[in-house]
N, C-alpha and C. Protein backbone atom coordinates (compact mmCIF):
# COMPACT_ATOMS: atom_id res chain seq x y z
N MET A 1 10.54 -19.43 67.84
CA MET A 1 11.54 -20.35 68.35
C MET A 1 11.10 -20.86 69.71
N GLY A 2 11.42 -22.09 69.97
CA GLY A 2 11.09 -22.70 71.24
C GLY A 2 12.04 -22.24 72.32
N ALA A 3 11.89 -22.78 73.51
CA ALA A 3 12.67 -22.37 74.66
C ALA A 3 14.17 -22.66 74.47
N ARG A 4 14.52 -23.65 73.71
CA ARG A 4 15.92 -24.01 73.51
C ARG A 4 16.44 -23.57 72.16
N GLY A 5 15.76 -22.64 71.53
CA GLY A 5 16.21 -22.12 70.25
C GLY A 5 15.74 -22.94 69.06
N LYS A 6 14.93 -23.98 69.29
CA LYS A 6 14.41 -24.79 68.19
C LYS A 6 13.14 -24.16 67.67
N ARG A 7 12.96 -24.23 66.38
CA ARG A 7 11.74 -23.72 65.76
C ARG A 7 10.59 -24.68 66.06
N THR A 8 9.48 -24.13 66.52
CA THR A 8 8.31 -24.96 66.79
C THR A 8 7.37 -24.89 65.59
N SER A 9 6.46 -25.81 65.54
CA SER A 9 5.55 -25.87 64.40
C SER A 9 4.59 -24.70 64.38
N GLY A 10 4.46 -23.99 65.47
CA GLY A 10 3.53 -22.87 65.53
C GLY A 10 2.13 -23.33 65.91
N GLN A 11 1.94 -24.61 66.00
CA GLN A 11 0.63 -25.14 66.35
C GLN A 11 0.77 -25.94 67.63
N VAL A 12 0.29 -25.35 68.72
CA VAL A 12 0.40 -25.96 70.03
C VAL A 12 -0.58 -27.13 70.17
N ASP A 13 -1.71 -27.05 69.51
CA ASP A 13 -2.77 -28.04 69.64
C ASP A 13 -3.19 -28.51 68.24
N PRO A 14 -2.45 -29.46 67.65
CA PRO A 14 -2.73 -29.84 66.26
C PRO A 14 -4.11 -30.47 66.04
N GLY A 15 -4.76 -30.99 67.07
CA GLY A 15 -6.08 -31.59 66.91
C GLY A 15 -7.23 -30.64 67.16
N ARG A 16 -6.91 -29.37 67.39
CA ARG A 16 -7.94 -28.40 67.79
C ARG A 16 -9.03 -28.24 66.72
N ARG A 17 -8.66 -28.10 65.47
CA ARG A 17 -9.66 -27.89 64.42
C ARG A 17 -10.63 -29.08 64.36
N ASP A 18 -10.09 -30.29 64.44
CA ASP A 18 -10.94 -31.48 64.44
C ASP A 18 -11.87 -31.51 65.65
N ARG A 19 -11.35 -31.16 66.81
CA ARG A 19 -12.19 -31.11 68.02
C ARG A 19 -13.32 -30.10 67.87
N ILE A 20 -13.02 -28.98 67.24
CA ILE A 20 -14.04 -27.96 67.02
C ILE A 20 -15.13 -28.51 66.10
N ILE A 21 -14.73 -29.17 65.03
CA ILE A 21 -15.72 -29.73 64.10
C ILE A 21 -16.58 -30.78 64.81
N GLU A 22 -15.97 -31.66 65.57
CA GLU A 22 -16.74 -32.68 66.30
C GLU A 22 -17.66 -32.04 67.33
N ALA A 23 -17.18 -31.01 68.01
CA ALA A 23 -18.01 -30.30 68.98
C ALA A 23 -19.17 -29.61 68.28
N ALA A 24 -18.93 -29.07 67.10
CA ALA A 24 -20.01 -28.43 66.35
C ALA A 24 -21.10 -29.44 66.04
N LEU A 25 -20.73 -30.64 65.65
CA LEU A 25 -21.74 -31.68 65.38
C LEU A 25 -22.53 -32.02 66.65
N ASP A 26 -21.84 -32.08 67.78
CA ASP A 26 -22.53 -32.35 69.05
C ASP A 26 -23.52 -31.23 69.39
N VAL A 27 -23.08 -29.99 69.21
CA VAL A 27 -23.95 -28.85 69.51
C VAL A 27 -25.14 -28.81 68.56
N ILE A 28 -24.90 -29.06 67.27
CA ILE A 28 -26.00 -29.07 66.31
C ILE A 28 -27.01 -30.16 66.67
N ALA A 29 -26.52 -31.34 67.05
CA ALA A 29 -27.41 -32.44 67.42
C ALA A 29 -28.25 -32.08 68.64
N ALA A 30 -27.68 -31.33 69.55
CA ALA A 30 -28.39 -30.97 70.79
C ALA A 30 -29.25 -29.72 70.65
N GLN A 31 -28.78 -28.73 69.86
CA GLN A 31 -29.42 -27.42 69.82
C GLN A 31 -30.01 -27.05 68.46
N GLY A 32 -29.67 -27.82 67.43
CA GLY A 32 -30.08 -27.46 66.08
C GLY A 32 -29.15 -26.42 65.51
N VAL A 33 -29.23 -26.23 64.20
CA VAL A 33 -28.39 -25.22 63.55
C VAL A 33 -28.69 -23.84 64.13
N ALA A 34 -29.98 -23.55 64.32
CA ALA A 34 -30.36 -22.22 64.81
C ALA A 34 -29.81 -21.94 66.20
N GLY A 35 -29.61 -22.97 66.99
CA GLY A 35 -29.11 -22.79 68.35
C GLY A 35 -27.61 -22.93 68.48
N THR A 36 -26.92 -23.07 67.36
CA THR A 36 -25.47 -23.25 67.38
C THR A 36 -24.78 -21.90 67.22
N SER A 37 -23.81 -21.66 68.07
CA SER A 37 -23.04 -20.42 68.01
C SER A 37 -21.56 -20.73 68.20
N HIS A 38 -20.73 -19.77 67.84
CA HIS A 38 -19.28 -19.93 68.06
C HIS A 38 -19.01 -20.17 69.54
N ARG A 39 -19.67 -19.43 70.39
CA ARG A 39 -19.45 -19.53 71.84
C ARG A 39 -19.79 -20.93 72.34
N LYS A 40 -20.92 -21.49 71.90
CA LYS A 40 -21.33 -22.83 72.36
C LYS A 40 -20.38 -23.90 71.84
N VAL A 41 -19.97 -23.77 70.60
CA VAL A 41 -19.05 -24.76 70.03
C VAL A 41 -17.69 -24.68 70.72
N ALA A 42 -17.18 -23.48 70.93
CA ALA A 42 -15.90 -23.32 71.62
C ALA A 42 -15.95 -23.92 73.02
N ALA A 43 -17.03 -23.70 73.72
CA ALA A 43 -17.18 -24.27 75.07
C ALA A 43 -17.21 -25.79 75.00
N ALA A 44 -17.96 -26.34 74.04
CA ALA A 44 -18.05 -27.79 73.92
C ALA A 44 -16.71 -28.41 73.52
N ALA A 45 -15.93 -27.70 72.71
CA ALA A 45 -14.62 -28.19 72.27
C ALA A 45 -13.53 -27.90 73.29
N GLN A 46 -13.87 -27.11 74.29
CA GLN A 46 -12.92 -26.68 75.33
C GLN A 46 -11.71 -25.97 74.70
N VAL A 47 -12.04 -24.99 73.85
CA VAL A 47 -11.01 -24.17 73.22
C VAL A 47 -11.37 -22.70 73.44
N PRO A 48 -10.40 -21.82 73.35
CA PRO A 48 -10.70 -20.39 73.46
C PRO A 48 -11.63 -19.95 72.33
N LEU A 49 -12.50 -19.02 72.62
CA LEU A 49 -13.44 -18.51 71.62
C LEU A 49 -12.71 -17.99 70.38
N GLY A 50 -11.54 -17.40 70.55
CA GLY A 50 -10.76 -16.88 69.42
C GLY A 50 -10.33 -17.96 68.43
N SER A 51 -10.31 -19.22 68.88
CA SER A 51 -9.96 -20.32 67.97
C SER A 51 -10.95 -20.44 66.83
N MET A 52 -12.16 -20.04 67.09
CA MET A 52 -13.20 -20.19 66.07
C MET A 52 -12.85 -19.39 64.82
N THR A 53 -12.45 -18.16 65.00
CA THR A 53 -12.14 -17.32 63.83
C THR A 53 -10.76 -17.63 63.27
N TYR A 54 -9.91 -18.28 64.05
CA TYR A 54 -8.61 -18.70 63.54
C TYR A 54 -8.76 -19.83 62.53
N TYR A 55 -9.65 -20.76 62.82
CA TYR A 55 -9.81 -21.94 61.97
C TYR A 55 -10.93 -21.84 60.93
N PHE A 56 -11.89 -20.95 61.15
CA PHE A 56 -13.05 -20.84 60.28
C PHE A 56 -13.36 -19.38 59.99
N THR A 57 -13.70 -19.08 58.75
CA THR A 57 -13.97 -17.69 58.37
C THR A 57 -15.29 -17.20 58.96
N GLY A 58 -16.14 -18.11 59.37
CA GLY A 58 -17.41 -17.74 59.98
C GLY A 58 -18.23 -18.98 60.26
N MET A 59 -19.43 -18.77 60.74
CA MET A 59 -20.30 -19.88 61.09
C MET A 59 -20.64 -20.73 59.87
N GLU A 60 -20.79 -20.10 58.71
CA GLU A 60 -21.13 -20.87 57.50
C GLU A 60 -20.04 -21.89 57.18
N GLN A 61 -18.78 -21.49 57.26
CA GLN A 61 -17.70 -22.43 56.97
C GLN A 61 -17.66 -23.54 58.02
N LEU A 62 -17.84 -23.19 59.28
CA LEU A 62 -17.86 -24.21 60.34
C LEU A 62 -18.97 -25.23 60.08
N LEU A 63 -20.17 -24.74 59.79
CA LEU A 63 -21.29 -25.65 59.52
C LEU A 63 -21.01 -26.50 58.28
N HIS A 64 -20.48 -25.88 57.24
CA HIS A 64 -20.19 -26.61 56.00
C HIS A 64 -19.16 -27.72 56.27
N ASP A 65 -18.09 -27.38 56.99
CA ASP A 65 -17.05 -28.38 57.28
C ASP A 65 -17.59 -29.48 58.19
N ALA A 66 -18.39 -29.12 59.17
CA ALA A 66 -18.94 -30.11 60.09
C ALA A 66 -19.90 -31.05 59.36
N PHE A 67 -20.82 -30.49 58.59
CA PHE A 67 -21.76 -31.33 57.86
C PHE A 67 -21.06 -32.16 56.78
N SER A 68 -20.03 -31.61 56.17
CA SER A 68 -19.26 -32.39 55.18
C SER A 68 -18.64 -33.60 55.85
N ARG A 69 -18.07 -33.42 57.01
CA ARG A 69 -17.47 -34.54 57.74
C ARG A 69 -18.54 -35.57 58.10
N PHE A 70 -19.66 -35.09 58.61
CA PHE A 70 -20.76 -35.99 58.98
C PHE A 70 -21.23 -36.81 57.78
N ALA A 71 -21.43 -36.16 56.64
CA ALA A 71 -21.92 -36.85 55.44
C ALA A 71 -20.88 -37.84 54.93
N GLU A 72 -19.62 -37.46 54.91
CA GLU A 72 -18.56 -38.37 54.46
C GLU A 72 -18.49 -39.59 55.36
N ARG A 73 -18.55 -39.37 56.65
CA ARG A 73 -18.50 -40.48 57.61
C ARG A 73 -19.70 -41.41 57.40
N GLY A 74 -20.87 -40.84 57.21
CA GLY A 74 -22.07 -41.64 56.97
C GLY A 74 -21.98 -42.44 55.68
N ALA A 75 -21.52 -41.79 54.62
CA ALA A 75 -21.39 -42.46 53.33
C ALA A 75 -20.34 -43.57 53.40
N ASP A 76 -19.23 -43.31 54.08
CA ASP A 76 -18.19 -44.33 54.23
C ASP A 76 -18.73 -45.54 54.99
N ALA A 77 -19.43 -45.31 56.08
CA ALA A 77 -19.97 -46.41 56.89
C ALA A 77 -20.99 -47.22 56.09
N PHE A 78 -21.87 -46.53 55.37
CA PHE A 78 -22.87 -47.24 54.57
C PHE A 78 -22.20 -48.06 53.48
N ASP A 79 -21.24 -47.47 52.80
CA ASP A 79 -20.54 -48.18 51.73
C ASP A 79 -19.82 -49.41 52.28
N ASP A 80 -19.18 -49.26 53.44
CA ASP A 80 -18.49 -50.41 54.06
C ASP A 80 -19.48 -51.53 54.37
N ARG A 81 -20.62 -51.18 54.96
CA ARG A 81 -21.62 -52.21 55.29
C ARG A 81 -22.18 -52.85 54.02
N LEU A 82 -22.52 -52.04 53.04
CA LEU A 82 -23.13 -52.57 51.82
C LEU A 82 -22.13 -53.43 51.03
N SER A 83 -20.86 -53.10 51.09
CA SER A 83 -19.86 -53.88 50.35
C SER A 83 -19.73 -55.29 50.92
N GLN A 84 -20.19 -55.52 52.13
CA GLN A 84 -20.13 -56.84 52.74
C GLN A 84 -21.31 -57.72 52.34
N ALA A 85 -22.33 -57.13 51.75
CA ALA A 85 -23.50 -57.91 51.32
C ALA A 85 -23.11 -58.76 50.11
N GLU A 86 -23.39 -60.04 50.22
CA GLU A 86 -23.00 -60.95 49.16
C GLU A 86 -24.12 -61.23 48.16
N ASP A 87 -25.36 -60.94 48.56
CA ASP A 87 -26.47 -61.22 47.65
C ASP A 87 -27.63 -60.27 47.97
N ALA A 88 -28.71 -60.39 47.19
CA ALA A 88 -29.87 -59.50 47.34
C ALA A 88 -30.49 -59.62 48.73
N ALA A 89 -30.51 -60.82 49.29
CA ALA A 89 -31.10 -61.00 50.64
C ALA A 89 -30.32 -60.20 51.68
N GLN A 90 -29.01 -60.18 51.56
CA GLN A 90 -28.20 -59.42 52.51
C GLN A 90 -28.37 -57.91 52.30
N VAL A 91 -28.56 -57.49 51.05
CA VAL A 91 -28.85 -56.08 50.79
C VAL A 91 -30.18 -55.71 51.46
N LEU A 92 -31.18 -56.57 51.31
CA LEU A 92 -32.48 -56.34 51.96
C LEU A 92 -32.31 -56.21 53.47
N ASP A 93 -31.56 -57.10 54.07
CA ASP A 93 -31.34 -57.07 55.52
C ASP A 93 -30.62 -55.79 55.95
N LEU A 94 -29.59 -55.44 55.20
CA LEU A 94 -28.81 -54.26 55.54
C LEU A 94 -29.66 -52.99 55.47
N VAL A 95 -30.41 -52.83 54.40
CA VAL A 95 -31.23 -51.63 54.23
C VAL A 95 -32.35 -51.62 55.27
N THR A 96 -32.92 -52.77 55.55
CA THR A 96 -33.96 -52.84 56.59
C THR A 96 -33.40 -52.38 57.93
N ARG A 97 -32.23 -52.88 58.30
CA ARG A 97 -31.62 -52.47 59.58
C ARG A 97 -31.31 -50.97 59.58
N ALA A 98 -30.85 -50.45 58.45
CA ALA A 98 -30.56 -49.01 58.37
C ALA A 98 -31.81 -48.18 58.60
N ILE A 99 -32.92 -48.64 58.05
CA ILE A 99 -34.18 -47.89 58.18
C ILE A 99 -34.77 -48.04 59.58
N ILE A 100 -34.72 -49.23 60.13
CA ILE A 100 -35.36 -49.50 61.41
C ILE A 100 -34.65 -48.78 62.56
N GLY A 101 -33.43 -48.44 62.40
CA GLY A 101 -32.83 -47.65 63.46
C GLY A 101 -31.45 -48.06 63.91
N GLN A 102 -30.63 -48.49 62.99
CA GLN A 102 -29.27 -48.81 63.36
C GLN A 102 -28.44 -47.56 63.62
N THR A 103 -28.93 -46.40 63.17
CA THR A 103 -28.22 -45.16 63.45
C THR A 103 -28.80 -44.54 64.72
N GLY A 104 -28.01 -43.77 65.40
CA GLY A 104 -28.45 -43.17 66.63
C GLY A 104 -29.29 -41.92 66.43
N HIS A 105 -29.86 -41.46 67.53
CA HIS A 105 -30.71 -40.28 67.51
C HIS A 105 -29.95 -39.06 66.99
N ASP A 106 -28.72 -38.86 67.45
CA ASP A 106 -27.95 -37.70 67.01
C ASP A 106 -27.74 -37.71 65.49
N ASP A 107 -27.45 -38.89 64.93
CA ASP A 107 -27.27 -38.98 63.48
C ASP A 107 -28.56 -38.62 62.75
N LEU A 108 -29.69 -39.05 63.28
CA LEU A 108 -30.97 -38.72 62.67
C LEU A 108 -31.20 -37.21 62.70
N VAL A 109 -30.95 -36.60 63.85
CA VAL A 109 -31.13 -35.15 63.98
C VAL A 109 -30.19 -34.41 63.04
N LEU A 110 -28.94 -34.83 62.99
CA LEU A 110 -27.97 -34.17 62.11
C LEU A 110 -28.38 -34.30 60.65
N THR A 111 -28.88 -35.46 60.26
CA THR A 111 -29.34 -35.65 58.89
C THR A 111 -30.47 -34.69 58.56
N HIS A 112 -31.41 -34.55 59.48
CA HIS A 112 -32.55 -33.65 59.25
C HIS A 112 -32.11 -32.19 59.24
N GLU A 113 -31.20 -31.83 60.13
CA GLU A 113 -30.69 -30.45 60.16
C GLU A 113 -29.97 -30.13 58.85
N LEU A 114 -29.16 -31.06 58.37
CA LEU A 114 -28.46 -30.85 57.10
C LEU A 114 -29.45 -30.73 55.95
N SER A 115 -30.45 -31.60 55.92
CA SER A 115 -31.43 -31.55 54.83
C SER A 115 -32.19 -30.23 54.83
N THR A 116 -32.58 -29.77 56.00
CA THR A 116 -33.30 -28.50 56.11
C THR A 116 -32.40 -27.35 55.66
N LEU A 117 -31.16 -27.36 56.11
CA LEU A 117 -30.23 -26.30 55.73
C LEU A 117 -29.99 -26.31 54.22
N ALA A 118 -29.82 -27.49 53.64
CA ALA A 118 -29.59 -27.59 52.20
C ALA A 118 -30.81 -27.15 51.40
N ALA A 119 -32.00 -27.38 51.95
CA ALA A 119 -33.22 -26.95 51.25
C ALA A 119 -33.34 -25.42 51.24
N ARG A 120 -32.79 -24.78 52.24
CA ARG A 120 -32.89 -23.33 52.36
C ARG A 120 -31.70 -22.59 51.77
N ASP A 121 -30.55 -23.25 51.75
CA ASP A 121 -29.31 -22.57 51.39
C ASP A 121 -28.53 -23.43 50.39
N ALA A 122 -28.48 -23.00 49.16
CA ALA A 122 -27.85 -23.77 48.09
C ALA A 122 -26.37 -24.04 48.35
N THR A 123 -25.72 -23.24 49.19
CA THR A 123 -24.30 -23.47 49.46
C THR A 123 -24.07 -24.77 50.23
N PHE A 124 -25.12 -25.34 50.81
CA PHE A 124 -25.01 -26.61 51.52
C PHE A 124 -25.51 -27.79 50.69
N ARG A 125 -26.10 -27.50 49.55
CA ARG A 125 -26.68 -28.56 48.73
C ARG A 125 -25.62 -29.50 48.18
N ASP A 126 -24.41 -28.99 47.97
CA ASP A 126 -23.35 -29.86 47.46
C ASP A 126 -23.08 -31.03 48.40
N ILE A 127 -23.24 -30.81 49.69
CA ILE A 127 -23.00 -31.88 50.67
C ILE A 127 -24.04 -32.98 50.50
N THR A 128 -25.31 -32.60 50.43
CA THR A 128 -26.36 -33.61 50.28
C THR A 128 -26.27 -34.29 48.92
N GLU A 129 -25.92 -33.55 47.89
CA GLU A 129 -25.79 -34.15 46.56
C GLU A 129 -24.67 -35.19 46.53
N ARG A 130 -23.53 -34.86 47.15
CA ARG A 130 -22.42 -35.83 47.20
C ARG A 130 -22.81 -37.07 48.00
N TRP A 131 -23.52 -36.86 49.12
CA TRP A 131 -23.92 -37.98 49.96
C TRP A 131 -24.89 -38.90 49.20
N MET A 132 -25.89 -38.31 48.54
CA MET A 132 -26.83 -39.12 47.77
C MET A 132 -26.12 -39.85 46.63
N ALA A 133 -25.20 -39.18 45.97
CA ALA A 133 -24.46 -39.81 44.87
C ALA A 133 -23.64 -41.00 45.38
N ARG A 134 -23.04 -40.85 46.53
CA ARG A 134 -22.25 -41.96 47.08
C ARG A 134 -23.14 -43.12 47.48
N THR A 135 -24.30 -42.83 48.08
CA THR A 135 -25.22 -43.91 48.46
C THR A 135 -25.70 -44.64 47.22
N ARG A 136 -26.08 -43.90 46.20
CA ARG A 136 -26.53 -44.52 44.96
C ARG A 136 -25.41 -45.34 44.33
N ALA A 137 -24.20 -44.84 44.34
CA ALA A 137 -23.07 -45.58 43.77
C ALA A 137 -22.86 -46.89 44.53
N SER A 138 -23.05 -46.86 45.85
CA SER A 138 -22.95 -48.08 46.64
C SER A 138 -24.01 -49.08 46.20
N PHE A 139 -25.24 -48.60 46.03
CA PHE A 139 -26.32 -49.48 45.57
C PHE A 139 -26.07 -49.98 44.15
N GLU A 140 -25.50 -49.13 43.30
CA GLU A 140 -25.32 -49.49 41.89
C GLU A 140 -24.29 -50.60 41.68
N ARG A 141 -23.55 -50.95 42.72
CA ARG A 141 -22.67 -52.12 42.59
C ARG A 141 -23.51 -53.39 42.49
N ARG A 142 -24.76 -53.32 42.94
CA ARG A 142 -25.65 -54.48 42.93
C ARG A 142 -26.94 -54.26 42.14
N LEU A 143 -27.29 -53.00 41.90
CA LEU A 143 -28.58 -52.67 41.30
C LEU A 143 -28.41 -51.72 40.13
N ASP A 144 -29.42 -51.66 39.27
CA ASP A 144 -29.38 -50.70 38.17
C ASP A 144 -29.59 -49.28 38.72
N PRO A 145 -29.22 -48.25 37.96
CA PRO A 145 -29.29 -46.87 38.47
C PRO A 145 -30.68 -46.42 38.94
N LEU A 146 -31.74 -46.77 38.22
CA LEU A 146 -33.08 -46.36 38.64
C LEU A 146 -33.47 -47.02 39.95
N THR A 147 -33.21 -48.30 40.08
CA THR A 147 -33.53 -49.00 41.33
C THR A 147 -32.71 -48.42 42.47
N ALA A 148 -31.45 -48.10 42.22
CA ALA A 148 -30.59 -47.49 43.25
C ALA A 148 -31.17 -46.16 43.71
N ARG A 149 -31.63 -45.34 42.77
CA ARG A 149 -32.21 -44.04 43.11
C ARG A 149 -33.49 -44.22 43.93
N LEU A 150 -34.35 -45.13 43.50
CA LEU A 150 -35.61 -45.36 44.22
C LEU A 150 -35.37 -45.93 45.61
N LEU A 151 -34.42 -46.85 45.73
CA LEU A 151 -34.13 -47.43 47.03
C LEU A 151 -33.53 -46.40 47.98
N ASP A 152 -32.68 -45.52 47.45
CA ASP A 152 -32.11 -44.45 48.27
C ASP A 152 -33.22 -43.54 48.79
N ALA A 153 -34.17 -43.17 47.92
CA ALA A 153 -35.28 -42.32 48.34
C ALA A 153 -36.17 -43.03 49.35
N LEU A 154 -36.45 -44.31 49.13
CA LEU A 154 -37.25 -45.08 50.08
C LEU A 154 -36.56 -45.13 51.44
N MET A 155 -35.27 -45.37 51.42
CA MET A 155 -34.52 -45.45 52.67
C MET A 155 -34.59 -44.14 53.45
N GLU A 156 -34.41 -43.03 52.75
CA GLU A 156 -34.49 -41.72 53.41
C GLU A 156 -35.89 -41.47 53.97
N GLY A 157 -36.89 -41.69 53.13
CA GLY A 157 -38.27 -41.43 53.55
C GLY A 157 -38.74 -42.32 54.68
N LEU A 158 -38.46 -43.61 54.57
CA LEU A 158 -38.89 -44.52 55.64
C LEU A 158 -38.13 -44.26 56.94
N SER A 159 -36.89 -43.83 56.84
CA SER A 159 -36.14 -43.49 58.05
C SER A 159 -36.82 -42.35 58.81
N ILE A 160 -37.28 -41.36 58.07
CA ILE A 160 -38.01 -40.25 58.68
C ILE A 160 -39.29 -40.75 59.32
N HIS A 161 -40.04 -41.57 58.60
CA HIS A 161 -41.29 -42.11 59.14
C HIS A 161 -41.05 -42.98 60.36
N GLN A 162 -40.02 -43.80 60.33
CA GLN A 162 -39.72 -44.66 61.48
C GLN A 162 -39.40 -43.83 62.71
N ALA A 163 -38.72 -42.71 62.51
CA ALA A 163 -38.32 -41.88 63.64
C ALA A 163 -39.46 -41.03 64.17
N LEU A 164 -40.37 -40.59 63.29
CA LEU A 164 -41.35 -39.59 63.71
C LEU A 164 -42.79 -40.10 63.80
N ASP A 165 -43.09 -41.21 63.20
CA ASP A 165 -44.46 -41.74 63.20
C ASP A 165 -44.78 -42.34 64.57
N ARG A 166 -45.97 -42.04 65.09
CA ARG A 166 -46.38 -42.62 66.38
C ARG A 166 -46.52 -44.14 66.29
N GLU A 167 -46.83 -44.61 65.10
CA GLU A 167 -46.94 -46.05 64.86
C GLU A 167 -46.07 -46.42 63.66
N PRO A 168 -44.76 -46.52 63.89
CA PRO A 168 -43.87 -46.81 62.76
C PRO A 168 -44.18 -48.17 62.14
N ALA A 169 -43.80 -48.31 60.89
CA ALA A 169 -44.05 -49.55 60.15
C ALA A 169 -43.34 -50.72 60.83
N ALA A 170 -43.97 -51.87 60.74
CA ALA A 170 -43.36 -53.10 61.25
C ALA A 170 -42.16 -53.46 60.40
N VAL A 171 -41.23 -54.16 60.99
CA VAL A 171 -40.03 -54.58 60.28
C VAL A 171 -40.40 -55.34 59.01
N ALA A 172 -41.38 -56.23 59.11
CA ALA A 172 -41.80 -57.02 57.94
C ALA A 172 -42.33 -56.12 56.83
N ASP A 173 -43.04 -55.05 57.18
CA ASP A 173 -43.57 -54.14 56.17
C ASP A 173 -42.44 -53.34 55.50
N VAL A 174 -41.47 -52.91 56.28
CA VAL A 174 -40.32 -52.19 55.72
C VAL A 174 -39.58 -53.11 54.76
N ARG A 175 -39.34 -54.31 55.20
CA ARG A 175 -38.64 -55.29 54.36
C ARG A 175 -39.41 -55.55 53.06
N GLU A 176 -40.72 -55.65 53.14
CA GLU A 176 -41.54 -55.87 51.95
C GLU A 176 -41.46 -54.69 50.99
N GLY A 177 -41.47 -53.48 51.51
CA GLY A 177 -41.33 -52.31 50.65
C GLY A 177 -40.00 -52.29 49.91
N ILE A 178 -38.95 -52.64 50.61
CA ILE A 178 -37.63 -52.70 49.97
C ILE A 178 -37.61 -53.80 48.91
N ARG A 179 -38.18 -54.95 49.26
CA ARG A 179 -38.21 -56.08 48.32
C ARG A 179 -38.95 -55.71 47.03
N ARG A 180 -40.05 -54.96 47.17
CA ARG A 180 -40.82 -54.56 46.00
C ARG A 180 -40.03 -53.67 45.05
N ILE A 181 -39.14 -52.87 45.61
CA ILE A 181 -38.31 -52.02 44.76
C ILE A 181 -37.15 -52.81 44.16
N VAL A 182 -36.52 -53.63 44.97
CA VAL A 182 -35.33 -54.36 44.53
C VAL A 182 -35.69 -55.53 43.62
N GLN A 183 -36.80 -56.22 43.93
CA GLN A 183 -37.19 -57.40 43.15
C GLN A 183 -38.65 -57.28 42.75
N PRO A 184 -38.98 -56.41 41.80
CA PRO A 184 -40.40 -56.18 41.46
C PRO A 184 -41.09 -57.41 40.89
C-alpha cells in the first residue's frame, strides 16, 4: 500500500528492464560478450546490481533478450526501408547503402558478436535464424526465394568485408555484385 493507503503497482521504475536491455547492448558493443557482466550492465543502466537477477534468470537470458531486441529492431528497420523501394533500381540502391555503411559501428560489432555467439551456442541460433528469415521475406516481396537467399548472404558477407578489409570494395563494385545476383 502506498503512503495514503492506495495500492501501488509494486513497480517503482517501470522502464528499468528496458534500460537494462539497452545498457547490455551498449556494453556488448564496447566490451564484447566476453567482457559483459551483470555489474557492468547495471552500472551502465544506472540500476542496483540486484535488479539484474530480478529481471533476468542469468546472463544467458539477458544476452538472449538483448540480442533478440537488437535483431528485431534491425529487421524492422530493414523491412521498412525495403518496403519503400518501388523498383529493382531502388532495391539495388538500398542494399548498396546497407553494405557500404549506413549502419553504425556499434551495430556492426553487435551483429558480429551475435553471429559468433550463435555459432558457438545453439540457444542463440534462433535469433539469427529469425533475423535471416525476416530479411529474406523482405527481399521475397520483390525477388524469388533463391535470389533472396543469395542476396541476403552477399549483403552479410560484403558488410563484413567493407568493415574489415584494408581496401574495401568500391561502391560501383558492390553495386555490380548486387546487380549480378538480382538481374543475372
